[in-house]
Amino acid sequence: MAQENTAFSPGTEEPPRRRGRQRYVEKDGRCNVQQGNVRETYRYLTDLFTTLVDLQWRLSLLFFVLAYALTWLFFGAIWWLIAYGRGDLEHLEDTAWTPCVNNLNGFVAAFLFSIETETTIGYGHRVITDQCPEGIVLLLLQAILGSMVNAFMVGCMFVKISQPNKRAATLVFSSHAVVSLRDGRLCLMFRVGDLRSSHIVEASIRAKLIRSRQTLEGEFIPLHQTDLSVGFDTGDDRLFLVSPLVISHEIDAASPFWEASRRALERDDFEIVVILEGMVEATGMTCQARSSYLVDEVLWGHRFTSVLTLEDGFYEVDYASFHETFEVPTPSCSARELAEAAARLDAHLYWSIPSRLDEKVEEEGAGEGPGEEAEEEAGEGAGGGAGVDKEQNGCLPPPESESKV
């Protein structure tokens, strides 16, 4: 890709390649975590509905078919046992005999009658008679249990089909994150976009820093999660995701990257997980899309290429350049060092400008003419003019002068 070729500014050496870090979250949002040695497997059965929904499609279809086939076979066997116990199978040619189910002459016929009963097909060839109380009870029981099986399995399939997981596939994240200046401050940025014309309602964005750390007591936390502020305090994390947006994390004193320079960032080992949530406009269901960025996928001194252009009466988004970045002048120091340098510069300007004005006033007063009167006038002009100029340039008089006045 183009952004991979311009990952480092000219004149700098590319850092040595390191062994690839195992991702906590894949680029497509899948989490690389597997549950092992789970001994309390009965907990999955206590929430059977969610368990069936979470199964893979081939297993879900298998359970769907088995649920109906086994209930049909089960009740078909009971219908056959009733017919066999009453002697209906021995009086098939006896027209004076009233069977429990008309035209039930074997197990296959009992199985077909079970299917007709549970699915309410009702062909009319096989029908229950009023001389079989046990058959009436079984008919009621199968009708009730059949409705429950239909509601459970159809509900599972409906939820599985309507899951918004595939909607998340049309929510895209930039392949790289970038670090550059925004309004004089270092910011970590990445881009999100929605490929569909139907929008995500109430969209919000979050970011997590996944990095190992050791506490003061010596405890090692392998996958410690730290929040990266992307505008929670200001409301910038609530997105109107109509066109691609660049999400910015300002590296301030509360940021974990406050003391990270370019070199330190390249030697670090971390993963940034970004999470986009919202409701699907078409279905109203909650959708979540995830992605992540490793250290090698964070480009220092880059900015995203603009993808939005104004056409004749509408805005057009060019997703061909969605992942493209370009280099911009960016200091290699940390955000803390940059803030300290800016503070020193502001302090130098604050004190140097009034002192230069004082020198200028003294020079003007001294140049009015020779003699004692000129010197006195120059002295008065230097003292009075300096005080006025200081006040006009934001330099307040000392507290002693104020008390004397």
Protein backbone atom coordinates (compact mmCIF):
# COMPACT_ATOMS: atom_id res chain seq x y z
CA MET A 1 0.00 0.00 0.00
CA ALA A 2 1.00 3.59 -0.46
CA GLN A 3 0.90 4.38 3.23
CA GLU A 4 3.29 1.56 4.00
CA ASN A 5 5.91 2.97 1.65
CA THR A 6 5.78 6.38 3.34
CA ALA A 7 5.74 5.20 6.93
CA PHE A 8 8.95 7.07 7.78
CA SER A 9 10.14 10.52 6.77
CA PRO A 10 13.13 10.82 4.42
CA GLY A 11 16.52 10.79 6.06
CA THR A 12 15.51 8.58 8.97
CA GLU A 13 16.51 4.96 9.32
CA GLU A 14 13.79 2.39 9.46
CA PRO A 15 13.81 0.61 12.82
CA PRO A 16 14.67 -3.08 12.86
CA ARG A 17 11.78 -5.43 12.36
CA ARG A 18 10.57 -7.14 15.48
CA ARG A 19 8.78 -10.37 16.07
CA GLY A 20 5.10 -9.87 15.35
CA ARG A 21 2.92 -9.35 18.37
CA GLN A 22 -0.04 -11.65 18.89
CA ARG A 23 -3.15 -9.60 18.32
CA TYR A 24 -5.77 -9.35 21.02
CA VAL A 25 -8.35 -8.25 18.45
CA GLU A 26 -8.02 -8.95 14.72
CA LYS A 27 -8.46 -6.26 12.09
CA ASP A 28 -11.88 -7.68 11.23
CA GLY A 29 -12.99 -7.47 14.86
CA ARG A 30 -12.59 -11.11 15.91
CA CYS A 31 -11.17 -11.55 19.42
CA ASN A 32 -8.24 -13.95 19.73
CA VAL A 33 -9.39 -15.41 23.04
CA GLN A 34 -10.44 -19.02 23.51
CA GLN A 35 -12.08 -20.36 26.64
CA GLY A 36 -10.21 -23.40 27.92
CA ASN A 37 -10.73 -25.89 30.77
CA VAL A 38 -14.31 -24.80 31.36
CA ARG A 39 -15.55 -27.43 33.80
CA GLU A 40 -18.94 -25.89 34.56
CA THR A 41 -20.33 -26.65 31.11
CA TYR A 42 -23.83 -26.89 32.53
CA ARG A 43 -23.91 -23.10 32.51
CA TYR A 44 -24.23 -23.20 28.72
CA LEU A 45 -27.41 -25.27 29.05
CA THR A 46 -28.99 -22.82 31.49
CA ASP A 47 -29.03 -20.33 28.61
CA LEU A 48 -29.79 -22.75 25.80
CA PHE A 49 -31.28 -20.11 23.55
CA THR A 50 -28.09 -18.01 23.48
CA THR A 51 -26.01 -21.16 23.12
CA LEU A 52 -27.90 -22.19 19.99
CA VAL A 53 -27.71 -18.68 18.56
CA ASP A 54 -23.94 -18.53 19.10
CA LEU A 55 -23.33 -21.84 17.33
CA GLN A 56 -21.91 -21.98 13.83
CA TRP A 57 -24.39 -22.14 11.01
CA ARG A 58 -23.83 -25.81 10.20
CA LEU A 59 -24.43 -26.79 13.82
CA SER A 60 -27.46 -24.51 14.09
CA LEU A 61 -29.02 -26.11 11.01
CA LEU A 62 -28.23 -29.56 12.40
CA PHE A 63 -29.99 -28.81 15.69
CA PHE A 64 -32.88 -27.24 13.79
CA VAL A 65 -33.45 -30.40 11.75
CA LEU A 66 -32.94 -32.72 14.71
CA ALA A 67 -35.38 -30.80 16.91
CA TYR A 68 -38.23 -31.40 14.45
CA ALA A 69 -37.23 -34.89 13.32
CA LEU A 70 -36.84 -36.24 16.84
CA THR A 71 -40.16 -34.83 18.05
CA TRP A 72 -41.92 -36.27 15.00
CA LEU A 73 -40.31 -39.65 15.58
CA PHE A 74 -41.03 -39.56 19.30
CA PHE A 75 -44.73 -38.81 18.96
CA GLY A 76 -45.01 -41.09 15.92
CA ALA A 77 -43.71 -43.95 18.06
CA ILE A 78 -46.27 -43.17 20.77
CA TRP A 79 -49.11 -43.13 18.21
CA TRP A 80 -47.93 -46.50 16.92
CA LEU A 81 -47.77 -47.91 20.48
CA ILE A 82 -51.33 -46.74 21.14
CA ALA A 83 -52.54 -48.39 17.95
CA TYR A 84 -50.61 -51.56 18.75
CA GLY A 85 -51.84 -51.69 22.35
CA ARG A 86 -55.47 -51.21 21.38
CA GLY A 87 -55.27 -53.87 18.69
CA ASP A 88 -55.95 -51.51 15.82
CA LEU A 89 -53.20 -53.10 13.73
CA GLU A 90 -54.92 -56.52 14.06
CA HIS A 91 -58.32 -55.24 12.87
CA LEU A 92 -57.25 -53.38 9.75
CA GLU A 93 -59.81 -55.20 7.57
CA ASP A 94 -62.57 -55.14 10.16
CA THR A 95 -65.01 -52.40 9.16
CA ALA A 96 -66.92 -52.74 12.44
CA TRP A 97 -63.83 -51.91 14.47
CA THR A 98 -63.33 -48.28 15.50
CA PRO A 99 -59.59 -47.56 15.67
CA CYS A 100 -57.93 -44.73 17.54
CA VAL A 101 -56.70 -43.20 14.27
CA ASN A 102 -58.32 -44.08 10.99
CA ASN A 103 -56.04 -45.51 8.25
CA LEU A 104 -53.09 -45.95 10.64
CA ASN A 105 -51.70 -49.30 9.48
CA GLY A 106 -48.06 -49.16 10.58
CA PHE A 107 -45.18 -47.15 11.95
CA VAL A 108 -44.75 -45.11 8.76
CA ALA A 109 -48.40 -44.10 8.86
CA ALA A 110 -48.01 -43.18 12.56
CA PHE A 111 -44.94 -41.07 11.71
CA LEU A 112 -46.84 -39.26 8.94
CA PHE A 113 -49.78 -38.64 11.27
CA SER A 114 -47.37 -37.17 13.82
CA ILE A 115 -46.01 -34.76 11.19
CA GLU A 116 -49.54 -33.75 10.14
CA THR A 117 -50.55 -33.16 13.76
CA GLU A 118 -47.53 -31.06 14.74
CA THR A 119 -47.39 -29.00 11.55
CA THR A 120 -51.23 -28.71 11.34
CA ILE A 121 -51.19 -29.91 7.74
CA GLY A 122 -54.36 -32.01 8.09
CA TYR A 123 -54.65 -33.98 4.86
CA GLY A 124 -57.81 -35.70 6.14
CA HIS A 125 -56.82 -39.28 5.25
CA ARG A 126 -55.65 -40.10 8.77
CA VAL A 127 -57.83 -38.64 11.51
CA ILE A 128 -58.34 -39.36 15.21
CA THR A 129 -61.70 -40.75 16.38
CA ASP A 130 -63.71 -39.93 19.48
CA GLN A 131 -63.39 -43.49 20.84
CA CYS A 132 -59.75 -43.02 21.92
CA PRO A 133 -59.32 -40.87 25.09
CA GLU A 134 -55.59 -41.60 25.32
CA GLY A 135 -55.20 -40.41 21.73
CA ILE A 136 -57.06 -37.17 22.51
CA VAL A 137 -54.71 -36.47 25.43
CA LEU A 138 -51.68 -37.22 23.24
CA LEU A 139 -53.05 -34.95 20.50
CA LEU A 140 -53.36 -32.05 22.95
CA LEU A 141 -49.89 -32.70 24.34
CA GLN A 142 -48.27 -32.83 20.90
CA ALA A 143 -50.05 -29.66 19.79
CA ILE A 144 -48.76 -27.77 22.84
CA LEU A 145 -45.20 -29.13 22.71
CA GLY A 146 -45.09 -28.69 18.94
CA SER A 147 -45.97 -25.01 19.32
CA MET A 148 -43.19 -24.63 21.88
CA VAL A 149 -40.65 -26.31 19.58
CA ASN A 150 -41.76 -24.08 16.70
CA ALA A 151 -41.46 -20.92 18.80
CA PHE A 152 -38.04 -21.90 20.17
CA MET A 153 -36.39 -23.06 16.96
CA VAL A 154 -37.94 -20.44 14.68
CA GLY A 155 -36.98 -17.78 17.21
CA CYS A 156 -33.38 -19.04 17.26
CA MET A 157 -33.15 -19.01 13.48
CA PHE A 158 -34.76 -15.58 13.21
CA VAL A 159 -32.35 -14.04 15.75
CA LYS A 160 -29.39 -15.72 14.08
CA ILE A 161 -30.42 -14.49 10.63
CA SER A 162 -31.12 -10.96 11.84
CA GLN A 163 -27.94 -10.63 13.89
CA PRO A 164 -26.18 -7.34 13.04
CA ASN A 165 -22.77 -8.99 12.75
CA LYS A 166 -22.79 -8.67 8.97
CA ARG A 167 -23.79 -5.02 9.29
CA ALA A 168 -20.48 -4.46 11.04
CA ALA A 169 -18.70 -5.72 7.92
CA THR A 170 -19.68 -2.50 6.11
CA LEU A 171 -18.17 -0.35 8.88
CA VAL A 172 -14.54 0.20 7.92
CA PHE A 173 -11.52 1.41 9.87
CA SER A 174 -8.34 2.82 8.39
CA SER A 175 -5.56 0.28 8.08
CA HIS A 176 -3.17 2.59 9.96
CA ALA A 177 -3.35 5.10 12.78
CA VAL A 178 -1.32 8.31 12.54
CA VAL A 179 0.36 10.73 14.93
CA SER A 180 0.63 14.39 13.89
CA LEU A 181 -0.08 17.91 15.08
CA ARG A 182 -3.58 19.30 15.41
CA ASP A 183 -3.90 22.88 16.64
CA GLY A 184 -0.35 22.73 17.94
CA ARG A 185 -0.87 19.51 19.92
CA LEU A 186 0.20 15.96 19.15
CA CYS A 187 -2.78 13.73 18.41
CA LEU A 188 -3.24 10.04 17.69
CA MET A 189 -5.81 9.65 14.91
CA PHE A 190 -7.59 6.96 12.92
CA ARG A 191 -10.46 7.05 10.43
CA VAL A 192 -13.84 5.31 10.38
CA GLY A 193 -16.43 5.10 7.62
CA ASP A 194 -19.76 3.50 6.74
CA LEU A 195 -20.19 1.95 3.31
CA ARG A 196 -23.99 1.79 3.44
CA SER A 197 -26.44 4.57 2.73
CA SER A 198 -28.55 3.48 5.72
CA HIS A 199 -26.82 5.01 8.71
CA ILE A 200 -25.86 3.87 12.19
CA VAL A 201 -28.05 5.64 14.73
CA GLU A 202 -26.55 6.89 18.02
CA ALA A 203 -23.06 5.86 16.95
CA SER A 204 -20.32 6.14 19.57
CA ILE A 205 -16.61 5.36 19.47
CA ARG A 206 -14.24 4.10 22.15
CA ALA A 207 -10.55 3.25 22.21
CA LYS A 208 -8.56 0.98 24.52
CA LEU A 209 -4.81 0.66 24.96
CA ILE A 210 -3.79 -2.97 25.52
CA ARG A 211 -0.35 -3.17 27.06
CA SER A 212 1.40 -5.28 29.67
CA ARG A 213 2.33 -3.54 32.89
CA GLN A 214 3.75 -4.29 36.30
CA THR A 215 2.35 -2.77 39.46
CA LEU A 216 4.39 -1.25 42.28
CA GLU A 217 3.86 -4.45 44.25
CA GLY A 218 5.38 -6.54 41.47
CA GLU A 219 2.14 -7.94 40.03
CA PHE A 220 2.36 -8.51 36.28
CA ILE A 221 -0.78 -7.73 34.28
CA PRO A 222 -0.33 -9.17 30.77
CA LEU A 223 -3.23 -7.45 28.98
CA HIS A 224 -3.95 -4.31 30.94
CA GLN A 225 -6.64 -2.10 29.41
CA THR A 226 -6.41 1.69 29.55
CA ASP A 227 -8.98 4.10 28.17
CA LEU A 228 -7.87 6.47 25.43
CA SER A 229 -10.00 9.61 25.47
CA VAL A 230 -11.55 10.27 22.07
CA GLY A 231 -13.88 13.05 23.20
CA PHE A 232 -15.96 11.56 26.01
CA ASP A 233 -15.82 14.78 28.05
CA THR A 234 -16.66 17.01 25.09
CA GLY A 235 -19.17 14.71 23.36
CA ASP A 236 -16.96 14.20 20.32
CA ASP A 237 -17.24 10.44 20.81
CA ARG A 238 -20.90 10.66 19.65
CA LEU A 239 -20.67 10.37 15.89
CA PHE A 240 -22.90 11.44 13.03
CA LEU A 241 -21.44 8.83 10.73
CA VAL A 242 -22.68 9.96 7.33
CA SER A 243 -19.24 10.45 5.79
CA PRO A 244 -15.84 9.14 6.94
CA LEU A 245 -14.61 10.77 10.14
CA VAL A 246 -11.13 11.11 11.61
CA ILE A 247 -11.21 10.22 15.31
CA SER A 248 -8.61 12.07 17.36
CA HIS A 249 -7.04 11.27 20.71
CA GLU A 250 -5.22 14.32 22.06
CA ILE A 251 -1.96 13.32 23.73
CA ASP A 252 -2.15 15.39 26.90
CA ALA A 253 -0.99 14.89 30.48
CA ALA A 254 -3.74 12.31 31.07
CA SER A 255 -2.77 10.26 28.00
CA PRO A 256 -0.57 7.16 28.36
CA PHE A 257 1.48 8.49 25.40
CA TRP A 258 2.31 11.78 27.19
CA GLU A 259 6.02 10.96 27.49
CA ALA A 260 6.33 8.83 24.34
CA SER A 261 8.55 10.25 21.62
CA ARG A 262 8.82 8.85 18.13
CA ARG A 263 11.77 6.62 19.02
CA ALA A 264 10.15 5.46 22.25
CA LEU A 265 6.93 4.67 20.42
CA GLU A 266 8.76 2.53 17.87
CA ARG A 267 10.40 0.52 20.66
CA ASP A 268 7.16 0.09 22.62
CA ASP A 269 4.86 -2.93 22.47
CA PHE A 270 1.14 -2.27 22.64
CA GLU A 271 -2.15 -2.63 20.80
CA ILE A 272 -4.89 -0.05 20.35
CA VAL A 273 -8.40 -1.52 20.15
CA VAL A 274 -11.13 0.73 18.72
CA ILE A 275 -14.82 -0.05 19.18
CA LEU A 276 -17.68 1.52 17.23
CA GLU A 277 -21.22 0.94 18.52
CA GLY A 278 -24.64 2.04 17.40
CA MET A 279 -28.11 0.93 16.30
CA VAL A 280 -28.84 -0.31 12.81
CA GLU A 281 -31.31 2.08 11.25
CA ALA A 282 -33.14 -0.64 9.33
CA THR A 283 -33.69 -3.09 12.23
CA GLY A 284 -33.09 -1.08 15.42
CA MET A 285 -30.65 -3.71 16.71
CA THR A 286 -27.36 -2.80 18.35
CA CYS A 287 -24.30 -3.25 16.18
CA GLN A 288 -20.64 -3.27 17.23
CA ALA A 289 -17.60 -3.11 14.97
CA ARG A 290 -14.03 -3.55 16.21
CA SER A 291 -10.51 -3.19 14.89
CA SER A 292 -7.02 -2.78 16.31
CA TYR A 293 -3.64 -1.19 15.59
CA LEU A 294 -0.26 -2.59 16.55
CA VAL A 295 2.87 -0.50 17.03
CA ASP A 296 3.95 -1.07 13.43
CA GLU A 297 0.59 0.24 12.23
CA VAL A 298 0.96 3.64 13.92
CA LEU A 299 2.60 6.12 11.52
CA TRP A 300 4.35 9.09 13.14
CA GLY A 301 4.23 12.33 11.17
CA HIS A 302 1.40 11.36 8.82
CA ARG A 303 -2.05 12.71 8.06
CA PHE A 304 -5.01 11.14 6.27
CA THR A 305 -5.76 12.04 2.69
CA SER A 306 -9.07 13.83 2.20
CA VAL A 307 -11.79 11.63 0.70
CA LEU A 308 -14.67 14.14 0.58
CA THR A 309 -15.26 16.34 -2.45
CA LEU A 310 -18.09 18.67 -3.39
CA GLU A 311 -19.80 17.77 -6.63
CA ASP A 312 -22.80 19.28 -8.39
CA GLY A 313 -25.35 19.41 -5.58
CA PHE A 314 -23.93 16.62 -3.37
CA TYR A 315 -20.83 15.44 -1.55
CA GLU A 316 -18.92 12.46 -2.89
CA VAL A 317 -16.76 10.13 -0.82
CA ASP A 318 -13.84 8.45 -2.59
CA TYR A 319 -13.16 5.25 -0.65
CA ALA A 320 -10.25 4.44 -2.97
CA SER A 321 -8.10 6.78 -0.86
CA PHE A 322 -9.72 5.92 2.48
CA HIS A 323 -6.55 4.26 3.84
CA GLU A 324 -4.03 6.63 2.22
CA THR A 325 -1.84 8.95 4.28
CA PHE A 326 0.82 11.54 3.53
CA GLU A 327 3.74 12.90 5.51
CA VAL A 328 3.56 16.23 7.32
CA PRO A 329 6.19 18.09 9.39
CA THR A 330 5.90 16.72 12.92
CA PRO A 331 8.35 17.02 15.82
CA SER A 332 9.88 13.75 16.99
CA CYS A 333 9.83 14.69 20.64
CA SER A 334 7.16 13.63 23.11
CA ALA A 335 4.04 15.65 23.81
CA ARG A 336 5.40 16.57 27.25
CA GLU A 337 8.61 17.93 25.78
CA LEU A 338 6.62 19.81 23.15
CA ALA A 339 4.40 21.39 25.82
CA GLU A 340 7.42 22.37 27.91
CA ALA A 341 9.10 23.95 24.90
CA ALA A 342 5.94 25.90 24.10
CA ALA A 343 5.69 27.05 27.73
CA ARG A 344 9.31 28.26 27.73
CA LEU A 345 8.71 30.11 24.47
CA ASP A 346 5.60 31.80 25.86
CA ALA A 347 7.47 32.82 29.03
CA HIS A 348 10.36 34.23 27.01
CA LEU A 349 8.02 36.29 24.85
CA TYR A 350 6.08 37.48 27.89
CA TRP A 351 9.16 38.97 29.57
CA SER A 352 11.21 39.97 26.54
CA ILE A 353 8.62 42.16 24.79
CA PRO A 354 8.11 44.65 27.71
CA SER A 355 11.89 44.91 28.31
CA ARG A 356 12.50 45.77 24.68
CA LEU A 357 9.81 48.44 24.87
CA ASP A 358 11.58 49.92 27.91
CA GLU A 359 14.86 50.12 26.03
CA LYS A 360 13.14 51.80 23.09
CA VAL A 361 11.54 54.46 25.32
CA GLU A 362 14.87 55.18 27.02
CA GLU A 363 16.56 55.62 23.66
CA GLU A 364 13.86 58.04 22.50
CA GLY A 365 14.11 60.08 25.72
CA ALA A 366 17.87 60.27 25.58
CA GLY A 367 17.78 61.52 21.98
CA GLU A 368 15.75 64.70 22.73
CA GLY A 369 18.85 66.87 23.39
CA PRO A 370 21.90 67.41 25.62
CA GLY A 371 21.89 69.09 28.98
CA GLU A 372 20.41 68.47 32.38
CA GLU A 373 16.83 69.39 31.36
CA ALA A 374 16.93 66.93 28.51
CA GLU A 375 18.35 64.25 30.78
CA GLU A 376 15.62 64.91 33.38
CA GLU A 377 12.93 64.83 30.70
CA ALA A 378 14.45 61.68 29.31
CA GLY A 379 14.45 60.14 32.76
CA GLU A 380 10.83 61.08 33.36
CA GLY A 381 9.86 59.81 29.91
CA ALA A 382 11.67 56.54 30.48
CA GLY A 383 10.06 55.94 33.84
CA GLY A 384 6.50 56.99 32.97
CA GLY A 385 6.44 55.63 29.44
CA ALA A 386 7.75 52.27 30.55
CA GLY A 387 4.98 51.90 33.09
CA VAL A 388 2.30 52.72 30.54
CA ASP A 389 3.73 50.38 27.93
CA LYS A 390 3.99 47.54 30.44
CA GLU A 391 0.36 47.85 31.37
CA GLN A 392 -0.68 47.98 27.72
CA ASN A 393 1.27 44.74 26.99
CA GLY A 394 -0.26 42.73 29.84
CA CYS A 395 2.54 43.16 32.41
CA LEU A 396 0.97 44.16 35.73
CA PRO A 397 2.84 46.48 38.20
CA PRO A 398 4.37 44.92 41.32
CA PRO A 399 2.22 44.75 44.46
CA GLU A 400 4.37 47.38 46.30
CA SER A 401 3.62 50.12 43.75
CA GLU A 402 -0.09 49.36 43.99
CA SER A 403 -0.06 49.66 47.80
CA LYS A 404 1.79 52.99 47.65
CA VAL A 405 -0.76 54.43 45.30
